[in-house]
C-alpha atoms as a PDB file:
ATOM      1  CA  UNK A   1       0.000   0.000   0.000  1.00  0.00           C
ATOM      2  CA  UNK A   2       1.296   3.443  -0.937  1.00  0.00           C
ATOM      3  CA  UNK A   3       1.415   6.011   1.842  1.00  0.00           C
ATOM      4  CA  UNK A   4       0.622   9.724   1.665  1.00  0.00           C
ATOM      5  CA  UNK A   5       1.488  12.574   3.964  1.00  0.00           C
ATOM      6  CA  UNK A   6      -0.941  14.188   6.360  1.00  0.00           C
ATOM      7  CA  UNK A   7      -0.765  17.313   4.187  1.00  0.00           C
ATOM      8  CA  UNK A   8      -1.840  15.245   1.146  1.00  0.00           C
ATOM      9  CA  UNK A   9      -4.820  13.843   3.032  1.00  0.00           C
ATOM     10  CA  UNK A  10      -5.771  17.286   4.362  1.00  0.00           C
ATOM     11  CA  UNK A  11      -6.433  18.377   0.760  1.00  0.00           C
ATOM     12  CA  UNK A  12      -9.317  15.881   0.445  1.00  0.00           C
ATOM     13  CA  UNK A  13     -12.672  17.462   1.301  1.00  0.00           C
ATOM     14  CA  UNK A  14     -15.128  14.810   2.497  1.00  0.00           C
ATOM     15  CA  UNK A  15     -18.770  15.865   2.957  1.00  0.00           C
ATOM     16  CA  UNK A  16     -22.131  14.343   3.787  1.00  0.00           C
ATOM     17  CA  UNK A  17     -24.526  14.538   0.838  1.00  0.00           C
ATOM     18  CA  UNK A  18     -28.185  13.557   0.561  1.00  0.00           C
ATOM     19  CA  UNK A  19     -29.336  11.705  -2.567  1.00  0.00           C
ATOM     20  CA  UNK A  20     -32.326  13.554  -4.049  1.00  0.00           C
ATOM     21  CA  UNK A  21     -32.561  11.603  -7.315  1.00  0.00           C
ATOM     22  CA  UNK A  22     -30.943   8.610  -8.991  1.00  0.00           C
ATOM     23  CA  UNK A  23     -31.248   7.134 -12.457  1.00  0.00           C
ATOM     24  CA  UNK A  24     -29.468   4.599 -14.600  1.00  0.00           C
ATOM     25  CA  UNK A  25     -27.235   5.961 -17.320  1.00  0.00           C
ATOM     26  CA  UNK A  26     -28.273   4.717 -20.738  1.00  0.00           C
ATOM     27  CA  UNK A  27     -25.728   2.389 -22.304  1.00  0.00           C
ATOM     28  CA  UNK A  28     -24.165   1.344 -18.995  1.00  0.00           C
ATOM     29  CA  UNK A  29     -24.975  -1.550 -16.681  1.00  0.00           C
ATOM     30  CA  UNK A  30     -22.818  -0.143 -13.872  1.00  0.00           C
ATOM     31  CA  UNK A  31     -23.367   3.621 -13.752  1.00  0.00           C
ATOM     32  CA  UNK A  32     -25.989   5.633 -11.899  1.00  0.00           C
ATOM     33  CA  UNK A  33     -26.427   9.380 -12.167  1.00  0.00           C
ATOM     34  CA  UNK A  34     -27.070  10.802  -8.708  1.00  0.00           C
ATOM     35  CA  UNK A  35     -28.266  14.289  -7.871  1.00  0.00           C
ATOM     36  CA  UNK A  36     -27.079  15.080  -4.366  1.00  0.00           C
ATOM     37  CA  UNK A  37     -27.724  17.955  -1.983  1.00  0.00           C
ATOM     38  CA  UNK A  38     -24.815  19.388  -0.014  1.00  0.00           C
ATOM     39  CA  UNK A  39     -26.297  22.107   2.211  1.00  0.00           C
ATOM     40  CA  UNK A  40     -27.581  24.714  -0.291  1.00  0.00           C
ATOM     41  CA  UNK A  41     -25.813  23.185  -3.309  1.00  0.00           C
ATOM     42  CA  UNK A  42     -27.030  20.483  -5.686  1.00  0.00           C
ATOM     43  CA  UNK A  43     -24.571  18.574  -7.840  1.00  0.00           C
ATOM     44  CA  UNK A  44     -24.366  15.535 -10.082  1.00  0.00           C
ATOM     45  CA  UNK A  45     -22.245  12.520  -9.230  1.00  0.00           C
ATOM     46  CA  UNK A  46     -21.805   9.480 -11.468  1.00  0.00           C
ATOM     47  CA  UNK A  47     -21.179   6.285  -9.539  1.00  0.00           C
ATOM     48  CA  UNK A  48     -20.478   2.699 -10.620  1.00  0.00           C
ATOM     49  CA  UNK A  49     -22.933   1.150  -8.156  1.00  0.00           C
ATOM     50  CA  UNK A  50     -25.912   0.136 -10.341  1.00  0.00           C
ATOM     51  CA  UNK A  51     -25.193  -3.580  -9.938  1.00  0.00           C
ATOM     52  CA  UNK A  52     -25.532  -3.255  -6.151  1.00  0.00           C
ATOM     53  CA  UNK A  53     -28.084  -0.468  -5.651  1.00  0.00           C
ATOM     54  CA  UNK A  54     -31.327   0.530  -7.342  1.00  0.00           C
ATOM     55  CA  UNK A  55     -32.541   4.056  -7.740  1.00  0.00           C
ATOM     56  CA  UNK A  56     -35.105   3.473  -4.964  1.00  0.00           C
ATOM     57  CA  UNK A  57     -32.423   2.145  -2.580  1.00  0.00           C
ATOM     58  CA  UNK A  58     -30.658   5.497  -2.733  1.00  0.00           C
ATOM     59  CA  UNK A  59     -33.412   8.121  -2.587  1.00  0.00           C
ATOM     60  CA  UNK A  60     -33.111  10.132   0.611  1.00  0.00           C
ATOM     61  CA  UNK A  61     -29.975   8.295   1.738  1.00  0.00           C
ATOM     62  CA  UNK A  62     -27.116  10.298   3.214  1.00  0.00           C
ATOM     63  CA  UNK A  63     -23.755   9.306   1.763  1.00  0.00           C
ATOM     64  CA  UNK A  64     -20.134  10.412   2.082  1.00  0.00           C
ATOM     65  CA  UNK A  65     -18.547  12.056  -0.960  1.00  0.00           C
ATOM     66  CA  UNK A  66     -15.227  13.517  -2.040  1.00  0.00           C
ATOM     67  CA  UNK A  67     -16.431  17.052  -2.722  1.00  0.00           C
ATOM     68  CA  UNK A  68     -13.312  18.675  -4.189  1.00  0.00           C
ATOM     69  CA  UNK A  69     -12.442  16.157  -6.890  1.00  0.00           C
ATOM     70  CA  UNK A  70     -11.911  17.575 -10.377  1.00  0.00           C
ATOM     71  CA  UNK A  71     -15.004  17.016 -12.570  1.00  0.00           C
ATOM     72  CA  UNK A  72     -14.901  14.010 -14.872  1.00  0.00           C
ATOM     73  CA  UNK A  73     -17.184  13.107 -17.779  1.00  0.00           C
ATOM     74  CA  UNK A  74     -18.531   9.542 -17.822  1.00  0.00           C
ATOM     75  CA  UNK A  75     -20.885   8.400 -20.607  1.00  0.00           C
ATOM     76  CA  UNK A  76     -21.531  12.056 -21.464  1.00  0.00           C
ATOM     77  CA  UNK A  77     -22.465  13.066 -17.886  1.00  0.00           C
ATOM     78  CA  UNK A  78     -20.200  15.390 -15.896  1.00  0.00           C
ATOM     79  CA  UNK A  79     -19.538  14.017 -12.412  1.00  0.00           C
ATOM     80  CA  UNK A  80     -18.728  16.572  -9.715  1.00  0.00           C
ATOM     81  CA  UNK A  81     -17.515  14.337  -6.915  1.00  0.00           C
ATOM     82  CA  UNK A  82     -17.177  10.706  -5.900  1.00  0.00           C
ATOM     83  CA  UNK A  83     -19.144   8.702  -3.391  1.00  0.00           C
ATOM     84  CA  UNK A  84     -17.301   6.428  -0.988  1.00  0.00           C
ATOM     85  CA  UNK A  85     -18.072   2.712  -0.779  1.00  0.00           C
ATOM     86  CA  UNK A  86     -16.343  -0.420   0.439  1.00  0.00           C
ATOM     87  CA  UNK A  87     -16.143  -3.572  -1.709  1.00  0.00           C
ATOM     88  CA  UNK A  88     -15.691  -7.139  -0.551  1.00  0.00           C
ATOM     89  CA  UNK A  89     -14.001  -9.984  -2.471  1.00  0.00           C
ATOM     90  CA  UNK A  90     -17.258 -10.981  -4.201  1.00  0.00           C
ATOM     91  CA  UNK A  91     -17.914  -7.468  -5.533  1.00  0.00           C
ATOM     92  CA  UNK A  92     -20.652  -6.534  -3.068  1.00  0.00           C
ATOM     93  CA  UNK A  93     -20.598  -2.837  -2.207  1.00  0.00           C
ATOM     94  CA  UNK A  94     -21.478  -1.036   0.991  1.00  0.00           C
ATOM     95  CA  UNK A  95     -21.914   2.721   0.999  1.00  0.00           C
ATOM     96  CA  UNK A  96     -20.157   4.732   3.665  1.00  0.00           C
ATOM     97  CA  UNK A  97     -22.905   6.564   5.511  1.00  0.00           C
ATOM     98  CA  UNK A  98     -23.227   8.624   8.711  1.00  0.00           C
ATOM     99  CA  UNK A  99     -24.546   6.507  11.578  1.00  0.00           C
ATOM    100  CA  UNK A 100     -26.640   9.301  13.119  1.00  0.00           C
ATOM    101  CA  UNK A 101     -29.720  10.958  11.617  1.00  0.00           C
ATOM    102  CA  UNK A 102     -28.688  14.256  13.229  1.00  0.00           C
ATOM    103  CA  UNK A 103     -25.744  14.592  10.822  1.00  0.00           C
ATOM    104  CA  UNK A 104     -27.026  16.935   8.115  1.00  0.00           C
ATOM    105  CA  UNK A 105     -26.056  17.126   4.471  1.00  0.00           C
ATOM    106  CA  UNK A 106     -23.112  19.462   4.031  1.00  0.00           C
ATOM    107  CA  UNK A 107     -21.417  18.301   7.240  1.00  0.00           C
ATOM    108  CA  UNK A 108     -17.645  17.980   6.956  1.00  0.00           C
ATOM    109  CA  UNK A 109     -15.903  14.693   7.682  1.00  0.00           C
ATOM    110  CA  UNK A 110     -12.896  15.064   9.941  1.00  0.00           C
END
């Protein structure tokens, strides 16, 4: 495993975001287009989780995202962040989520 410095890690801005819509991306079996709310901001995130989560699974769910990642275009959709998930050896995913309802969208991860 490669190591990074504390200063490198400090550049990563992790935030809580609330999923307000989700839809499959045409032409892809893996990608979902998520609209997420981060405090007063709404942004689009493309995530390769469609084989593990349906659109209905995600609506209203609070997730953890990398908020300051450079935008990237996937299947013609600009993604403005990345959600965090863990994957086991069989390919099952688990989203990283806050464990308390009181944590609001826009909260910083420290």
